[in-house]
């Protein structure tokens, strides 16, 4: 390869990350709801789609909403 390509490939460290484990693989992050931030959830496939479920067996995750979430709409 040329000098620029060699420099570019040598300057990129794919393992330069804070989440790196000692064995070189990345730490697995727990599932989290992107709307409410709850980590008491898990992904399950239902009718071909991935859905967040509560840790209670068979209960789909529903975000807790409070009145302050609707103040923008007033």
Foldseek 3Di string as FASTA:
>chain_A
DDPVVVVVVVVDDPQPDPQADPVGDGDDDQDADPPQGDSQWDWDADPNDIFIAGVPPPHGDDDDDDPVVCPVVD
